[in-house]
């Protein structure tokens, strides 16, 4: 695989993963009242712990996107 192909793949991975992050964030913000009771029963968490879990999930996913997609993409773009 060429450097250009890897750069393109990482660029599209960054775009798609950012879209998933935005979708999940909007889903949790807009439908939290409907989704929270289901998740609360599924995982036996109270409202405060569930809110913390949502925040931690979004934060971890954002860090993963930056570390695994965006930084390698930028490094390849800069070094080319």
C-alpha atoms as a PDB file:
ATOM      1  CA  UNK A   1       0.000   0.000   0.000  1.00  0.00           C
ATOM      2  CA  UNK A   2       1.390   3.397  -0.906  1.00  0.00           C
ATOM      3  CA  UNK A   3       1.807   6.330   1.417  1.00  0.00           C
ATOM      4  CA  UNK A   4      -0.931   8.226  -0.417  1.00  0.00           C
ATOM      5  CA  UNK A   5      -3.355   5.325  -0.021  1.00  0.00           C
ATOM      6  CA  UNK A   6      -2.662   5.052   3.707  1.00  0.00           C
ATOM      7  CA  UNK A   7      -3.110   8.804   4.078  1.00  0.00           C
ATOM      8  CA  UNK A   8      -6.433   8.630   2.251  1.00  0.00           C
ATOM      9  CA  UNK A   9      -7.644   5.718   4.396  1.00  0.00           C
ATOM     10  CA  UNK A  10      -6.695   7.500   7.611  1.00  0.00           C
ATOM     11  CA  UNK A  11      -8.387  10.677   6.398  1.00  0.00           C
ATOM     12  CA  UNK A  12     -11.627   8.841   5.656  1.00  0.00           C
ATOM     13  CA  UNK A  13     -11.403   6.948   8.964  1.00  0.00           C
ATOM     14  CA  UNK A  14     -11.118  10.288  10.738  1.00  0.00           C
ATOM     15  CA  UNK A  15     -14.145  11.691   8.905  1.00  0.00           C
ATOM     16  CA  UNK A  16     -16.292   8.608   9.484  1.00  0.00           C
ATOM     17  CA  UNK A  17     -15.338   8.196  13.142  1.00  0.00           C
ATOM     18  CA  UNK A  18     -15.963  11.885  13.790  1.00  0.00           C
ATOM     19  CA  UNK A  19     -19.397  11.447  12.207  1.00  0.00           C
ATOM     20  CA  UNK A  20     -20.128   8.514  14.503  1.00  0.00           C
ATOM     21  CA  UNK A  21     -18.996  10.589  17.498  1.00  0.00           C
ATOM     22  CA  UNK A  22     -21.253  13.498  16.518  1.00  0.00           C
ATOM     23  CA  UNK A  23     -24.173  11.127  15.902  1.00  0.00           C
ATOM     24  CA  UNK A  24     -23.704   9.410  19.280  1.00  0.00           C
ATOM     25  CA  UNK A  25     -23.386  12.769  21.046  1.00  0.00           C
ATOM     26  CA  UNK A  26     -26.559  14.109  19.438  1.00  0.00           C
ATOM     27  CA  UNK A  27     -28.358  10.845  20.145  1.00  0.00           C
ATOM     28  CA  UNK A  28     -27.478  11.054  23.837  1.00  0.00           C
ATOM     29  CA  UNK A  29     -28.335  14.752  24.102  1.00  0.00           C
ATOM     30  CA  UNK A  30     -31.612  14.655  22.195  1.00  0.00           C
ATOM     31  CA  UNK A  31     -32.935  11.263  23.305  1.00  0.00           C
ATOM     32  CA  UNK A  32     -31.447  11.005  26.757  1.00  0.00           C
ATOM     33  CA  UNK A  33     -34.831  10.886  28.475  1.00  0.00           C
ATOM     34  CA  UNK A  34     -35.840   7.847  26.442  1.00  0.00           C
ATOM     35  CA  UNK A  35     -32.499   6.038  26.389  1.00  0.00           C
ATOM     36  CA  UNK A  36     -31.379   6.569  29.992  1.00  0.00           C
ATOM     37  CA  UNK A  37     -34.044   4.398  31.664  1.00  0.00           C
ATOM     38  CA  UNK A  38     -33.251   1.520  29.306  1.00  0.00           C
ATOM     39  CA  UNK A  39     -29.501   1.745  29.928  1.00  0.00           C
ATOM     40  CA  UNK A  40     -30.056   2.265  33.635  1.00  0.00           C
ATOM     41  CA  UNK A  41     -31.976  -1.022  33.872  1.00  0.00           C
ATOM     42  CA  UNK A  42     -29.580  -2.885  31.548  1.00  0.00           C
ATOM     43  CA  UNK A  43     -26.453  -1.983  33.484  1.00  0.00           C
ATOM     44  CA  UNK A  44     -27.926  -1.422  36.970  1.00  0.00           C
ATOM     45  CA  UNK A  45     -26.671   2.169  37.175  1.00  0.00           C
ATOM     46  CA  UNK A  46     -28.315   5.173  38.779  1.00  0.00           C
ATOM     47  CA  UNK A  47     -28.731   8.430  36.834  1.00  0.00           C
ATOM     48  CA  UNK A  48     -25.482  10.022  38.067  1.00  0.00           C
ATOM     49  CA  UNK A  49     -23.356   6.990  37.264  1.00  0.00           C
ATOM     50  CA  UNK A  50     -25.017   6.659  33.874  1.00  0.00           C
ATOM     51  CA  UNK A  51     -24.289  10.292  33.013  1.00  0.00           C
ATOM     52  CA  UNK A  52     -20.670   9.737  33.999  1.00  0.00           C
ATOM     53  CA  UNK A  53     -20.523   6.588  31.852  1.00  0.00           C
ATOM     54  CA  UNK A  54     -21.933   8.476  28.846  1.00  0.00           C
ATOM     55  CA  UNK A  55     -19.381  11.240  29.268  1.00  0.00           C
ATOM     56  CA  UNK A  56     -16.528   8.771  29.721  1.00  0.00           C
ATOM     57  CA  UNK A  57     -17.598   6.832  26.600  1.00  0.00           C
ATOM     58  CA  UNK A  58     -17.664   9.977  24.452  1.00  0.00           C
ATOM     59  CA  UNK A  59     -14.367  11.229  25.874  1.00  0.00           C
ATOM     60  CA  UNK A  60     -12.602   7.899  25.307  1.00  0.00           C
ATOM     61  CA  UNK A  61     -13.943   7.640  21.774  1.00  0.00           C
ATOM     62  CA  UNK A  62     -12.765  11.172  20.998  1.00  0.00           C
ATOM     63  CA  UNK A  63      -9.276  10.433  22.315  1.00  0.00           C
ATOM     64  CA  UNK A  64      -9.158   7.215  20.266  1.00  0.00           C
ATOM     65  CA  UNK A  65     -10.091   9.122  17.110  1.00  0.00           C
ATOM     66  CA  UNK A  66      -7.384  11.700  17.703  1.00  0.00           C
ATOM     67  CA  UNK A  67      -4.657   9.204  18.626  1.00  0.00           C
ATOM     68  CA  UNK A  68      -5.440   6.434  16.138  1.00  0.00           C
ATOM     69  CA  UNK A  69      -6.749   8.393  13.130  1.00  0.00           C
ATOM     70  CA  UNK A  70      -6.057  12.107  13.183  1.00  0.00           C
ATOM     71  CA  UNK A  71      -2.463  12.206  14.450  1.00  0.00           C
ATOM     72  CA  UNK A  72      -1.175   9.530  12.029  1.00  0.00           C
ATOM     73  CA  UNK A  73      -3.046  11.251   9.182  1.00  0.00           C
ATOM     74  CA  UNK A  74      -1.475  14.609  10.019  1.00  0.00           C
ATOM     75  CA  UNK A  75       1.966  13.042  10.435  1.00  0.00           C
ATOM     76  CA  UNK A  76       1.740  11.487   6.977  1.00  0.00           C
ATOM     77  CA  UNK A  77       0.468  14.723   5.445  1.00  0.00           C
ATOM     78  CA  UNK A  78       3.265  16.760   7.024  1.00  0.00           C
ATOM     79  CA  UNK A  79       6.030  14.284   6.115  1.00  0.00           C
ATOM     80  CA  UNK A  80       4.967  13.948   2.482  1.00  0.00           C
END
